[in-house]
Protein backbone atom coordinates (compact mmCIF):
# COMPACT_ATOMS: atom_id res chain seq x y z
CA MET A 1 0.82 -23.04 31.56
CA ARG A 2 -2.46 -23.14 29.97
CA THR A 3 -2.78 -19.42 29.60
CA GLY A 4 0.91 -19.59 28.23
CA SER A 5 -0.14 -21.60 25.28
CA GLY A 6 -3.04 -19.51 24.53
CA TRP A 7 -1.06 -16.63 24.42
CA ALA A 8 1.34 -18.14 22.11
CA VAL A 9 -1.50 -19.10 20.00
CA VAL A 10 -2.53 -15.46 19.41
CA LEU A 11 0.67 -14.30 18.93
CA CYS A 12 1.14 -16.79 16.21
CA PHE A 13 -2.30 -15.38 14.35
CA VAL A 14 -1.04 -11.96 14.96
CA ILE A 15 2.58 -12.28 13.04
CA ALA A 16 0.90 -14.91 10.46
CA GLU A 17 -1.57 -12.14 9.58
CA SER A 18 0.81 -9.37 9.17
CA ALA A 19 3.40 -11.55 7.40
CA TRP A 20 1.48 -12.69 4.37
CA GLY A 21 2.25 -10.93 0.90
CA ALA A 22 4.09 -11.40 -2.43
CA THR A 23 5.50 -9.46 -5.30
CA ALA A 24 1.98 -8.09 -7.07
CA TRP A 25 3.83 -7.40 -10.39
CA ASN A 26 7.43 -7.16 -11.51
CA GLU A 27 7.88 -5.65 -15.07
CA SER A 28 10.82 -7.52 -15.72
CA SER A 29 8.65 -10.96 -15.14
CA SER A 30 5.27 -9.69 -15.30
CA GLY A 31 5.36 -7.44 -18.58
CA ASP A 32 4.89 -4.06 -19.17
CA LEU A 33 2.72 -1.79 -16.55
CA SER A 34 -0.05 0.10 -18.16
CA ASN A 35 0.61 3.39 -19.77
CA ASN A 36 -3.23 4.39 -19.88
CA GLN A 37 -5.13 5.93 -17.22
CA LEU A 38 -8.47 4.65 -18.54
CA ALA A 39 -7.03 1.08 -18.48
CA PRO A 40 -4.75 0.58 -15.52
CA THR A 41 -3.03 -2.73 -14.82
CA PRO A 42 -5.38 -4.35 -12.63
CA ILE A 43 -4.02 -6.01 -9.25
CA THR A 44 -5.66 -7.53 -6.24
CA LEU A 45 -3.64 -7.08 -3.32
CA THR A 46 -3.12 -9.68 -0.68
CA ASN A 47 -2.80 -9.47 3.06
CA GLY A 48 0.60 -8.62 4.01
CA ILE A 49 3.00 -6.70 1.70
CA ASN A 50 2.69 -6.70 -1.98
CA SER A 51 5.71 -5.37 -4.16
CA LEU A 52 5.42 -3.39 -7.41
CA ILE A 53 8.69 -3.03 -9.34
CA GLY A 54 8.87 -1.30 -12.08
CA ASN A 55 10.57 0.84 -14.86
CA LEU A 56 10.40 4.44 -15.73
CA SER A 57 11.65 5.95 -18.97
CA ALA A 58 11.67 8.85 -21.67
CA GLY A 59 9.30 6.27 -24.25
CA ASP A 60 7.55 4.73 -21.05
CA SER A 61 7.39 7.76 -18.27
CA GLN A 62 4.13 6.43 -16.47
CA ASP A 63 2.76 3.67 -15.08
CA TRP A 64 -0.70 3.06 -14.18
CA VAL A 65 -2.04 0.62 -11.59
CA ALA A 66 -5.67 -0.27 -10.25
CA VAL A 67 -5.15 -1.79 -6.93
CA THR A 68 -7.74 -3.60 -5.28
CA VAL A 69 -7.91 -3.68 -1.39
CA PRO A 70 -10.37 -6.78 -0.63
CA PRO A 71 -13.17 -6.76 1.88
CA GLY A 72 -12.10 -7.19 5.52
CA ARG A 73 -8.86 -5.83 4.75
CA VAL A 74 -7.33 -1.77 4.77
CA LEU A 75 -4.14 -0.44 2.58
CA SER A 76 -2.36 0.92 5.80
CA GLN A 77 0.97 1.89 4.15
CA TYR A 78 2.12 2.82 0.43
CA LEU A 79 6.12 2.46 0.80
CA GLN A 80 8.82 3.19 -1.12
CA VAL A 81 11.45 0.42 -1.07
CA ALA A 82 13.93 1.19 -3.94
CA TYR A 83 14.97 4.04 -6.25
CA SER A 84 17.58 3.72 -8.67
CA GLN A 85 18.10 7.17 -9.52
CA THR A 86 19.54 10.68 -7.94
CA ASP A 87 16.49 12.54 -8.45
CA VAL A 88 12.52 12.13 -7.87
CA SER A 89 9.48 11.13 -9.64
CA PHE A 90 5.73 11.64 -9.04
CA THR A 91 3.12 9.55 -7.50
CA GLY A 92 -0.81 10.12 -6.89
CA PHE A 93 -3.70 8.11 -6.68
CA HIS A 94 -7.58 8.69 -7.41
CA SER A 95 -10.26 6.49 -6.14
CA GLY A 96 -11.72 3.70 -8.62
CA ALA A 97 -10.59 1.48 -10.93
CA THR A 98 -9.84 3.69 -13.43
CA PHE A 99 -8.25 7.36 -13.44
CA THR A 100 -10.95 9.43 -15.05
CA GLY A 101 -9.76 12.91 -14.17
CA ASN A 102 -6.79 14.96 -15.81
CA ALA A 103 -3.49 13.78 -14.74
CA GLY A 104 -1.89 16.98 -14.76
CA ASP A 105 -4.63 18.80 -12.29
CA ALA A 106 -4.41 18.63 -8.64
CA GLY A 107 -7.69 18.19 -8.09
CA SER A 108 -8.00 14.81 -9.70
CA TYR A 109 -5.94 13.20 -6.81
CA ALA A 110 -7.22 12.14 -3.59
CA GLY A 111 -3.30 12.77 -2.91
CA TYR A 112 0.07 12.87 -4.01
CA THR A 113 3.73 13.31 -3.59
CA HIS A 114 7.29 12.79 -4.87
CA PHE A 115 9.18 9.96 -4.21
CA GLY A 116 12.65 8.89 -4.89
CA ALA A 117 16.11 9.41 -4.08
CA THR A 118 15.49 12.03 -1.16
CA PHE A 119 13.38 9.49 0.73
CA ALA A 120 14.93 6.69 3.05
CA SER A 121 14.01 3.22 1.82
CA GLY A 122 10.94 2.44 3.86
CA THR A 123 9.21 5.82 3.67
CA ASP A 124 5.58 5.64 3.69
CA LEU A 125 3.82 7.58 1.18
CA LEU A 126 0.65 7.90 2.14
CA PRO A 127 0.93 10.63 5.05
CA LEU A 128 3.01 12.56 2.54
CA MET A 129 0.28 12.34 -0.07
CA ASN A 130 -2.49 13.09 2.43
CA GLY A 131 -3.27 16.97 2.15
CA ALA A 132 -1.41 17.62 -1.10
CA PRO A 133 -2.33 21.26 -2.19
CA GLY A 134 -5.41 21.10 -4.66
CA SER A 135 -6.18 17.28 -3.77
CA SER A 136 -9.41 15.83 -2.48
CA GLY A 137 -7.68 14.19 0.70
CA PHE A 138 -8.47 10.86 2.21
CA THR A 139 -8.58 8.95 5.32
CA ILE A 140 -5.54 6.67 6.28
CA PRO A 141 -5.90 3.54 6.15
CA LEU A 142 -7.66 3.26 2.73
CA ALA A 143 -10.57 1.15 3.17
CA ALA A 144 -11.21 -1.94 1.21
CA GLY A 145 -12.03 -1.11 -3.00
CA SER A 146 -10.30 0.10 -5.74
CA TYR A 147 -7.66 2.64 -6.35
CA THR A 148 -5.65 3.85 -9.25
CA PHE A 149 -2.29 4.97 -8.62
CA LEU A 150 0.14 6.39 -11.11
CA LEU A 151 4.14 6.47 -11.16
CA GLN A 152 5.69 9.07 -13.42
CA GLN A 153 9.28 10.14 -14.24
CA ALA A 154 8.74 13.01 -16.39
CA SER A 155 12.42 13.93 -16.79
CA GLY A 156 12.85 10.57 -19.21
CA ILE A 157 15.83 9.62 -17.12
CA PRO A 158 15.81 5.61 -16.82
CA THR A 159 14.52 5.24 -13.25
CA GLY A 160 13.72 1.55 -11.22
CA TYR A 161 11.73 1.56 -8.55
CA GLN A 162 10.07 -0.89 -5.95
CA VAL A 163 6.94 0.46 -3.60
CA ASP A 164 5.12 -2.03 -1.69
CA PHE A 165 1.50 -1.89 -0.49
CA ASN A 166 0.89 -2.86 2.84
CA VAL A 167 -2.34 -4.78 3.45
CA VAL A 168 -3.75 -5.51 6.90
CA PRO A 169 -6.95 -6.85 8.67
CA GLU A 170 -9.61 -3.75 9.12
CA SER A 171 -9.57 -2.65 12.64
CA ALA A 172 -12.76 -4.71 13.39
CA THR A 173 -10.38 -7.81 13.22
CA PHE A 174 -7.67 -6.44 15.23
CA GLY A 175 -10.31 -5.28 17.72
CA PHE A 176 -11.89 -9.15 17.77
CA LEU A 177 -7.99 -10.19 18.84
CA ALA A 178 -7.55 -7.32 21.32
CA SER A 179 -10.53 -8.66 22.94
CA ALA A 180 -9.40 -12.18 22.98
CA VAL A 181 -6.17 -11.19 24.60
CA LEU A 182 -8.18 -9.16 27.19
CA LEU A 183 -10.48 -12.17 27.66
CA SER A 184 -7.31 -14.63 28.19
CA TRP A 185 -5.63 -11.85 30.60
CA GLY A 186 -8.99 -11.47 32.59
CA ARG A 187 -8.90 -15.08 32.98
CA ARG A 188 -5.65 -15.68 33.90
CA ARG A 189 -5.53 -13.36 36.78
CA ARG A 190 -8.91 -14.81 38.17
CA GLY A 191 -7.05 -18.10 37.98
CA ALA A 192 -4.30 -16.94 40.06
CA ARG A 193 -6.33 -15.95 42.70
């Protein structure tokens, strides 16, 4: 029974590590996201799901956000959760706290893709962005640091969206947990003999 309680502690820790999170920004309550690529809205992400809820329209066709992944964490997923129209929008990102390149040039992005009505809720956009024609590319998950994301609706159709940034412990933390589980399992097996 003692080893069972050890497993329970490890399982609770793993569940807690992946369950934290919050709404990082909601335009209806937090205010309009930046329209300026050189001054994006700064958001420091927390562990778990970080929701970004925004609106795009003819007079507000771009939302610029600079997300910071804290040390010891990685950005494992960039999920489309909700989309209010029947068309698609554009999203892309660049490493750094501002977007210094030309937003119309594929080479300015680490990755980009369309998102919207043609994608199911929960679609991870990072794999779709990686390897986009002309982009510089990146490695998934994104390491700790700052990244500037653009969300854009070029048609001018009013569009509501929700994307979630999923932040998890970096692999070294998971390696530690795996070692603890294996050590506990090995002790249990030796004790059973």
